N, C-alpha and C. Protein backbone atom coordinates (compact mmCIF):
# COMPACT_ATOMS: atom_id res chain seq x y z
N MET A 1 -162.01 100.56 36.32
CA MET A 1 -162.14 100.13 37.53
C MET A 1 -161.40 98.81 37.01
N MET A 2 -160.66 98.36 36.19
CA MET A 2 -159.96 96.85 36.29
C MET A 2 -158.43 97.44 36.69
N LYS A 3 -158.17 98.72 36.45
CA LYS A 3 -157.22 98.92 36.78
C LYS A 3 -157.15 99.70 38.19
N ARG A 4 -157.91 99.89 38.93
CA ARG A 4 -158.62 100.46 40.47
C ARG A 4 -158.41 98.96 41.13
N ASN A 5 -158.72 97.91 40.58
CA ASN A 5 -158.70 96.81 40.95
C ASN A 5 -157.60 96.10 41.19
N LEU A 6 -156.57 96.46 40.03
CA LEU A 6 -155.19 95.94 40.02
C LEU A 6 -154.65 96.56 40.79
N ALA A 7 -154.72 97.78 41.17
CA ALA A 7 -154.17 98.92 41.85
C ALA A 7 -154.02 97.95 43.63
N ILE A 8 -155.47 98.24 43.55
CA ILE A 8 -155.84 97.57 45.08
C ILE A 8 -155.03 96.00 45.33
N ALA A 9 -155.78 95.48 44.50
CA ALA A 9 -154.98 93.47 44.51
C ALA A 9 -153.13 94.10 44.56
N GLY A 10 -152.88 95.25 44.04
CA GLY A 10 -151.01 95.24 44.41
C GLY A 10 -150.65 95.59 45.37
N VAL A 11 -151.81 96.43 46.02
CA VAL A 11 -151.75 97.06 47.27
C VAL A 11 -151.56 96.16 48.59
N ILE A 12 -152.34 95.34 48.10
CA ILE A 12 -152.65 94.01 49.08
C ILE A 12 -151.61 93.27 49.64
N ILE A 13 -151.14 93.00 48.20
CA ILE A 13 -150.18 91.92 47.98
C ILE A 13 -148.96 92.90 48.30
N GLY A 14 -148.90 93.79 48.13
CA GLY A 14 -147.70 94.52 48.32
C GLY A 14 -147.48 94.66 50.00
N ALA A 15 -148.95 94.90 50.96
CA ALA A 15 -148.90 94.91 52.24
C ALA A 15 -148.81 93.40 53.01
N LEU A 16 -149.41 92.04 52.11
CA LEU A 16 -149.05 91.33 52.73
C LEU A 16 -147.43 90.65 52.48
N ILE A 17 -147.06 91.29 51.66
CA ILE A 17 -145.30 90.86 51.26
C ILE A 17 -144.35 91.88 52.76
N ALA A 18 -144.99 92.93 52.77
CA ALA A 18 -144.49 93.41 53.81
C ALA A 18 -144.76 93.12 55.31
N SER A 19 -145.80 92.69 55.43
CA SER A 19 -146.30 92.17 56.72
C SER A 19 -145.08 90.88 56.83
N ALA A 20 -145.08 89.64 55.74
CA ALA A 20 -144.62 88.78 55.82
C ALA A 20 -142.93 88.94 56.51
N PHE A 21 -142.75 89.66 55.59
CA PHE A 21 -141.19 90.02 55.88
C PHE A 21 -141.02 90.81 57.20
N TRP A 22 -142.14 91.61 57.53
CA TRP A 22 -141.87 92.28 59.54
C TRP A 22 -142.58 91.14 60.12
N GLY A 23 -142.97 90.42 59.99
CA GLY A 23 -143.32 89.33 60.76
C GLY A 23 -142.15 88.20 60.61
N TYR A 24 -141.27 87.82 59.74
CA TYR A 24 -140.05 87.05 59.68
C TYR A 24 -139.12 87.41 60.30
N SER A 25 -138.81 88.77 60.14
CA SER A 25 -137.67 89.33 60.74
C SER A 25 -138.10 89.54 62.20
N ARG A 26 -139.32 90.07 62.83
CA ARG A 26 -139.68 89.93 64.13
C ARG A 26 -139.39 88.47 64.78
N GLY A 27 -140.14 87.38 64.20
CA GLY A 27 -139.96 86.13 64.54
C GLY A 27 -138.50 85.79 64.78
N ARG A 28 -137.83 86.14 63.40
CA ARG A 28 -136.30 85.89 63.91
C ARG A 28 -135.52 86.60 64.99
N SER A 29 -135.75 87.71 65.36
CA SER A 29 -135.11 88.53 65.97
C SER A 29 -135.41 88.20 67.37
N SER A 30 -136.83 87.80 67.95
CA SER A 30 -137.65 87.13 69.31
C SER A 30 -136.61 85.92 69.12
N THR A 31 -136.59 85.29 68.08
CA THR A 31 -136.22 83.51 68.39
C THR A 31 -134.65 83.89 68.93
N ALA A 32 -133.99 84.60 68.19
CA ALA A 32 -132.29 84.65 68.27
C ALA A 32 -132.52 85.29 69.79
N GLU A 33 -133.34 86.09 70.36
CA GLU A 33 -132.86 86.78 71.63
C GLU A 33 -133.16 85.86 73.02
N LYS A 34 -134.43 84.92 72.70
CA LYS A 34 -134.58 83.48 73.37
C LYS A 34 -133.35 82.72 73.47
N TYR A 35 -132.88 82.32 71.98
CA TYR A 35 -132.02 81.16 72.15
C TYR A 35 -130.50 82.28 73.12
N GLU A 36 -130.51 83.26 72.90
CA GLU A 36 -128.96 84.03 73.19
C GLU A 36 -129.24 84.20 74.78
N ALA A 37 -130.40 84.07 75.30
CA ALA A 37 -130.58 84.10 76.83
C ALA A 37 -130.71 82.45 77.25
N GLN A 38 -130.96 81.72 76.39
CA GLN A 38 -130.87 80.37 77.03
C GLN A 38 -129.33 79.98 76.83
N ILE A 39 -128.42 80.27 75.65
CA ILE A 39 -126.99 79.88 75.72
C ILE A 39 -126.54 80.61 76.80
N SER A 40 -126.50 81.86 76.86
CA SER A 40 -125.68 82.74 78.55
C SER A 40 -126.37 81.56 79.45
N GLU A 41 -127.39 81.38 79.86
CA GLU A 41 -127.93 80.68 80.86
C GLU A 41 -126.76 79.52 80.81
N LEU A 42 -126.83 78.70 79.81
CA LEU A 42 -126.20 77.54 79.79
C LEU A 42 -124.70 77.72 80.51
N LYS A 43 -124.24 78.51 79.71
CA LYS A 43 -122.87 79.02 79.77
C LYS A 43 -122.16 79.46 81.40
N SER A 44 -123.27 80.38 82.04
CA SER A 44 -123.03 80.61 83.28
C SER A 44 -123.36 78.81 84.18
N ASP A 45 -124.18 78.16 84.04
CA ASP A 45 -124.02 76.99 84.37
C ASP A 45 -123.06 76.18 84.20
N TRP A 46 -122.28 76.17 83.10
CA TRP A 46 -121.34 75.53 82.91
C TRP A 46 -119.74 75.62 83.76
N GLN A 47 -120.18 77.39 83.55
CA GLN A 47 -118.90 77.88 84.50
C GLN A 47 -119.28 77.42 85.85
N LYS A 48 -120.31 77.74 86.43
CA LYS A 48 -120.28 77.62 87.79
C LYS A 48 -119.69 75.67 87.99
N GLN A 49 -120.37 74.83 87.25
CA GLN A 49 -119.92 73.75 87.22
C GLN A 49 -118.52 73.43 86.83
N THR A 50 -118.06 74.01 86.22
CA THR A 50 -116.22 73.97 85.72
C THR A 50 -115.57 74.55 86.98
N ARG A 51 -116.12 75.57 87.42
CA ARG A 51 -115.30 76.05 88.72
C ARG A 51 -115.27 75.45 89.81
N ALA A 52 -116.30 74.74 90.24
CA ALA A 52 -116.62 73.75 91.13
C ALA A 52 -115.95 72.29 91.18
N VAL A 53 -115.99 71.83 90.15
CA VAL A 53 -114.91 70.68 89.35
C VAL A 53 -113.55 70.96 89.55
N GLU A 54 -112.96 72.36 89.06
CA GLU A 54 -111.76 72.98 89.44
C GLU A 54 -111.18 72.91 90.84
N LYS A 55 -112.06 73.62 91.55
CA LYS A 55 -112.16 73.91 92.74
C LYS A 55 -111.65 72.42 93.55
N GLU A 56 -112.64 71.46 93.56
CA GLU A 56 -112.50 70.40 94.19
C GLU A 56 -111.27 69.31 93.76
N ALA A 57 -110.74 69.35 92.22
CA ALA A 57 -109.78 68.87 91.68
C ALA A 57 -108.47 69.59 92.50
N GLN A 58 -108.57 70.78 92.57
CA GLN A 58 -107.22 71.80 93.18
C GLN A 58 -106.91 71.15 94.86
N GLU A 59 -108.55 71.22 95.52
CA GLU A 59 -107.93 70.53 96.94
C GLU A 59 -107.71 69.21 96.92
N ARG A 60 -108.28 68.67 95.92
CA ARG A 60 -107.27 66.84 96.05
C ARG A 60 -105.73 67.15 95.81
N TYR A 61 -105.38 67.74 94.76
CA TYR A 61 -104.08 67.64 94.53
C TYR A 61 -103.42 68.22 95.92
N GLU A 62 -103.78 69.30 96.51
CA GLU A 62 -102.86 69.86 97.49
C GLU A 62 -102.84 68.73 98.60
N LYS A 63 -104.12 68.24 99.05
CA LYS A 63 -104.22 67.15 100.06
C LYS A 63 -103.34 65.97 99.68
N GLN A 64 -103.39 65.72 98.11
CA GLN A 64 -102.20 64.35 97.82
C GLN A 64 -100.78 65.05 97.82
N SER A 65 -100.75 66.27 97.19
CA SER A 65 -98.94 66.68 97.57
C SER A 65 -98.39 66.73 99.13
N ARG A 66 -99.47 67.15 99.83
CA ARG A 66 -99.48 67.18 101.48
C ARG A 66 -99.23 65.83 101.88
N GLN A 67 -99.94 65.08 101.61
CA GLN A 67 -99.87 63.37 101.84
C GLN A 67 -98.25 62.89 101.21
N LEU A 68 -97.76 63.48 100.21
CA LEU A 68 -96.74 62.74 99.25
C LEU A 68 -95.46 63.53 99.98
N ALA A 69 -95.57 64.82 100.72
CA ALA A 69 -94.47 65.16 101.31
C ALA A 69 -94.53 64.85 102.51
N ASP A 70 -95.56 64.64 103.30
CA ASP A 70 -95.34 64.32 104.80
C ASP A 70 -94.65 62.59 104.70
N ALA A 71 -95.16 61.62 103.28
CA ALA A 71 -95.00 60.39 103.33
C ALA A 71 -93.04 60.68 102.84
N LEU A 72 -92.73 61.26 102.03
CA LEU A 72 -91.22 61.77 101.69
C LEU A 72 -90.28 62.12 102.76
N ALA A 73 -91.30 62.58 103.76
CA ALA A 73 -90.30 63.25 105.06
C ALA A 73 -89.83 62.05 105.88
N ALA A 74 -90.99 61.40 106.24
CA ALA A 74 -91.63 60.25 106.86
C ALA A 74 -90.22 59.18 106.46
N ARG A 75 -90.32 58.96 105.11
CA ARG A 75 -89.16 58.25 104.35
C ARG A 75 -87.86 58.42 104.44
N ASP A 76 -87.69 60.12 104.40
CA ASP A 76 -86.44 60.31 104.71
C ASP A 76 -85.74 60.02 106.12
N LYS A 77 -86.70 60.09 107.00
CA LYS A 77 -86.42 60.00 108.40
C LYS A 77 -85.87 58.58 108.51
N ALA A 78 -86.62 57.78 108.02
CA ALA A 78 -86.29 56.12 108.41
C ALA A 78 -85.18 55.75 107.74
N LEU A 79 -84.85 56.41 106.77
CA LEU A 79 -83.73 56.29 105.60
C LEU A 79 -82.29 56.73 106.69
N SER A 80 -82.79 57.99 107.55
CA SER A 80 -81.75 58.30 108.00
C SER A 80 -81.36 57.63 109.32
N ASP A 81 -82.57 57.27 109.71
CA ASP A 81 -82.52 56.13 111.16
C ASP A 81 -81.66 54.60 110.60
N ALA A 82 -81.87 54.20 109.44
CA ALA A 82 -81.30 53.51 108.86
C ALA A 82 -79.95 53.48 108.67
N ARG A 83 -79.48 54.42 108.19
CA ARG A 83 -77.99 54.75 108.07
C ARG A 83 -77.26 54.77 109.52
N ALA A 84 -78.08 55.69 110.32
CA ALA A 84 -77.58 55.28 111.67
C ALA A 84 -77.02 54.15 112.07
N VAL A 85 -78.23 53.50 111.95
CA VAL A 85 -78.16 51.35 112.48
C VAL A 85 -76.88 51.25 111.79
N ARG A 86 -76.70 51.49 110.37
CA ARG A 86 -75.63 51.24 109.75
C ARG A 86 -73.90 51.14 110.29
N VAL A 87 -74.28 52.44 110.59
CA VAL A 87 -72.73 53.45 110.57
C VAL A 87 -72.56 52.23 112.40
N THR A 88 -73.60 52.38 112.71
CA THR A 88 -72.99 52.00 114.65
C THR A 88 -72.76 50.35 114.34
N ALA A 89 -73.48 49.57 113.19
CA ALA A 89 -72.82 48.28 112.87
C ALA A 89 -71.41 47.95 112.35
N VAL A 90 -71.31 48.83 111.45
CA VAL A 90 -69.72 49.56 110.91
C VAL A 90 -68.76 49.22 112.34
N ARG A 91 -69.25 50.37 113.31
CA ARG A 91 -68.50 50.41 114.28
C ARG A 91 -68.35 49.59 115.36
N VAL A 92 -68.86 48.32 115.42
CA VAL A 92 -69.42 47.55 116.21
C VAL A 92 -68.14 46.49 115.49
N ARG A 93 -68.42 46.35 113.96
CA ARG A 93 -67.43 45.22 113.21
C ARG A 93 -66.44 45.59 113.75
N ASP A 94 -66.11 47.07 113.17
CA ASP A 94 -64.28 47.49 113.19
C ASP A 94 -63.85 47.24 114.61
N ALA A 95 -64.85 47.40 115.57
CA ALA A 95 -64.25 47.25 117.27
C ALA A 95 -63.91 45.70 117.12
N ALA A 96 -65.26 44.72 116.97
CA ALA A 96 -64.72 43.24 116.91
C ALA A 96 -63.57 42.47 115.95
N ASP A 97 -63.65 43.58 114.48
CA ASP A 97 -62.17 43.11 114.04
C ASP A 97 -61.08 43.55 114.80
N THR A 98 -60.71 44.54 115.38
CA THR A 98 -59.59 44.71 115.80
C THR A 98 -59.34 44.12 117.06
N ARG A 99 -60.44 43.90 117.73
CA ARG A 99 -60.37 42.86 119.16
C ARG A 99 -59.56 41.48 118.43
N ALA A 100 -60.29 41.03 118.02
CA ALA A 100 -60.44 39.40 117.23
C ALA A 100 -58.50 39.57 116.17
N LYS A 101 -58.19 40.50 116.19
CA LYS A 101 -56.82 40.49 115.64
C LYS A 101 -55.81 40.48 116.47
N SER A 102 -56.18 41.45 117.60
CA SER A 102 -55.31 41.53 118.59
C SER A 102 -55.01 39.92 119.47
N ASP A 103 -56.78 39.47 119.66
CA ASP A 103 -56.72 38.33 120.11
C ASP A 103 -56.03 37.36 119.53
N LEU A 104 -55.69 36.81 118.36
CA LEU A 104 -55.60 36.12 117.01
C LEU A 104 -54.38 35.73 117.07
N GLN A 105 -53.62 37.26 117.53
CA GLN A 105 -52.10 37.36 117.25
C GLN A 105 -51.34 36.71 118.87
N ALA A 106 -52.30 37.38 119.72
CA ALA A 106 -52.02 37.03 120.87
C ALA A 106 -52.06 35.35 121.23
N ALA A 107 -53.01 34.65 120.53
CA ALA A 107 -53.15 33.11 120.53
C ALA A 107 -52.04 32.57 119.73
N ARG A 108 -51.57 33.59 118.67
CA ARG A 108 -50.84 32.37 117.85
C ARG A 108 -49.69 32.60 119.10
N ASP A 109 -49.13 33.42 119.43
CA ASP A 109 -48.03 33.59 119.87
C ASP A 109 -47.65 32.55 121.47
N THR A 110 -48.96 32.61 121.69
CA THR A 110 -48.78 31.39 123.00
C THR A 110 -49.43 30.19 122.71
N GLY A 111 -50.17 30.02 121.40
CA GLY A 111 -50.26 28.48 120.94
C GLY A 111 -51.49 28.30 121.70
N ASP A 112 -52.30 28.76 122.00
CA ASP A 112 -53.75 28.59 122.83
C ASP A 112 -54.60 28.68 121.86
N ARG A 113 -55.19 27.38 121.73
CA ARG A 113 -56.16 27.13 120.39
C ARG A 113 -57.76 27.88 120.96
N THR A 114 -57.90 27.67 122.37
CA THR A 114 -59.18 28.26 122.41
C THR A 114 -59.06 29.66 122.31
N GLN A 115 -57.88 30.20 122.65
CA GLN A 115 -58.25 31.80 122.68
C GLN A 115 -58.25 32.07 120.77
N GLU A 116 -57.45 31.24 120.30
CA GLU A 116 -57.64 31.30 118.31
C GLU A 116 -59.15 31.02 117.83
N ARG A 117 -59.62 30.30 118.84
CA ARG A 117 -60.75 29.99 118.22
C ARG A 117 -62.02 31.32 118.91
N LEU A 118 -61.63 31.71 119.97
CA LEU A 118 -62.32 33.14 120.25
C LEU A 118 -62.13 34.12 119.38
N ALA A 119 -61.13 34.30 119.12
CA ALA A 119 -60.52 35.49 118.14
C ALA A 119 -61.41 35.34 117.04
N ARG A 120 -61.72 34.18 116.37
CA ARG A 120 -62.16 33.97 115.49
C ARG A 120 -63.66 34.03 115.66
N CYS A 121 -64.27 33.61 116.43
CA CYS A 121 -65.73 33.76 116.95
C CYS A 121 -65.66 35.69 116.94
N GLU A 122 -65.03 36.02 117.28
CA GLU A 122 -65.22 37.68 117.61
C GLU A 122 -65.13 38.36 115.86
N SER A 123 -64.48 37.57 115.00
CA SER A 123 -64.56 38.11 114.27
C SER A 123 -65.76 37.72 113.24
N LEU A 124 -66.13 36.62 113.68
CA LEU A 124 -67.92 36.42 112.84
C LEU A 124 -68.34 37.11 113.74
N LEU A 125 -68.21 37.38 114.65
CA LEU A 125 -69.34 38.33 115.36
C LEU A 125 -69.30 40.02 114.84
N GLY A 126 -68.42 40.41 114.41
CA GLY A 126 -68.33 41.46 113.70
C GLY A 126 -68.92 41.34 112.21
N GLU A 127 -68.51 40.58 111.59
CA GLU A 127 -69.19 40.22 110.16
C GLU A 127 -70.95 40.27 110.32
N GLY A 128 -71.13 39.59 111.31
CA GLY A 128 -72.68 39.21 111.66
C GLY A 128 -73.07 40.75 112.20
N ALA A 129 -72.49 41.62 112.79
CA ALA A 129 -73.10 42.72 113.72
C ALA A 129 -73.05 43.78 112.03
N GLU A 130 -72.20 43.53 110.67
CA GLU A 130 -72.22 44.11 109.59
C GLU A 130 -73.72 43.78 109.02
N LEU A 131 -73.49 42.40 109.05
CA LEU A 131 -74.84 42.07 108.16
C LEU A 131 -76.13 42.61 108.71
N VAL A 132 -76.22 42.59 110.11
CA VAL A 132 -77.50 42.85 110.87
C VAL A 132 -77.77 44.16 110.39
N GLY A 133 -76.69 45.06 110.34
CA GLY A 133 -76.90 46.45 109.93
C GLY A 133 -77.23 46.64 108.49
N GLU A 134 -77.02 45.75 107.47
CA GLU A 134 -77.20 46.10 106.00
C GLU A 134 -78.84 45.62 106.05
N GLY A 135 -78.92 44.36 106.92
CA GLY A 135 -80.19 44.04 107.13
C GLY A 135 -81.11 45.22 107.56
N ALA A 136 -80.94 45.89 108.51
CA ALA A 136 -81.68 46.23 109.29
C ALA A 136 -81.98 48.05 107.99
N GLU A 137 -81.23 48.12 107.24
CA GLU A 137 -80.95 49.31 106.04
C GLU A 137 -81.89 49.15 105.27
N PHE A 138 -81.70 47.66 104.91
CA PHE A 138 -82.65 47.56 103.43
C PHE A 138 -83.97 47.00 103.98
N SER A 139 -83.82 46.66 105.24
CA SER A 139 -85.57 46.32 105.52
C SER A 139 -86.36 47.87 105.76
N THR A 140 -85.66 48.86 106.66
CA THR A 140 -86.41 50.16 106.97
C THR A 140 -86.36 50.85 105.45
N ARG A 141 -85.44 50.53 104.42
CA ARG A 141 -85.68 51.29 103.30
C ARG A 141 -87.30 50.96 102.19
N ILE A 142 -87.16 49.61 102.33
CA ILE A 142 -88.41 48.72 101.70
C ILE A 142 -89.47 49.26 102.72
N ALA A 143 -89.57 49.19 104.07
CA ALA A 143 -90.75 49.67 104.45
C ALA A 143 -91.15 51.45 104.23
N ALA A 144 -90.04 51.94 104.25
CA ALA A 144 -90.35 53.65 103.89
C ALA A 144 -91.02 53.58 102.41
N ASP A 145 -90.41 53.07 101.90
CA ASP A 145 -90.41 53.11 100.02
C ASP A 145 -92.24 52.83 100.37
N LYS A 146 -92.57 51.73 100.65
CA LYS A 146 -93.98 51.35 101.04
C LYS A 146 -94.86 51.96 101.35
N ASP A 147 -94.50 52.17 102.65
CA ASP A 147 -95.20 53.68 103.67
C ASP A 147 -95.64 54.57 102.85
N ALA A 148 -94.64 55.61 101.62
CA ALA A 148 -94.30 56.40 100.88
C ALA A 148 -95.53 55.98 99.71
N LEU A 149 -95.32 54.95 99.05
CA LEU A 149 -96.46 54.39 98.36
C LEU A 149 -98.05 54.73 98.73
N VAL A 150 -97.99 53.78 100.13
CA VAL A 150 -99.14 53.78 99.96
C VAL A 150 -99.76 55.26 100.60
N LYS A 151 -99.18 56.15 101.25
CA LYS A 151 -99.61 57.04 101.88
C LYS A 151 -99.85 57.99 100.46
N ALA A 152 -99.19 57.82 99.69
CA ALA A 152 -99.01 59.09 98.15
C ALA A 152 -100.85 58.24 97.29
N ALA A 153 -100.68 56.99 97.70
CA ALA A 153 -102.20 56.44 96.70
C ALA A 153 -103.29 56.56 97.24
N ASN A 154 -103.43 57.04 98.79
CA ASN A 154 -104.32 56.97 99.13
C ASN A 154 -104.44 58.55 99.48
């Protein structure tokens, strides 16, 4: 009888151990499935959020690139206009210098001091025209650079 009770106890203990292993195994696989489902859902949400943020960043980059390109085009046009003003100023100065030299020579030949002063005024007028051209070019360049920076910053 003792052997029989010992055998029954051994079978019961074996069954308990087997059911404990089966329960552990089943619980572990069930928990793993739940965690994998949660991880998969989190990854999906993360990917959606990442795509949304990337799309927004790309749109903002494209907008800023367009703004910068427009600002640089406006700057280039302003600089071109400034160069045109400068070229005109140089042309006016050359004309004034030519006129002043001929008037100065004529004044010296005739000894007319008034004509000589007028020739010097014409020379100063030419220098003033060149300075105005330089100032306009500098002013336009600075304004164009400032506008380009402001547009690029927005």
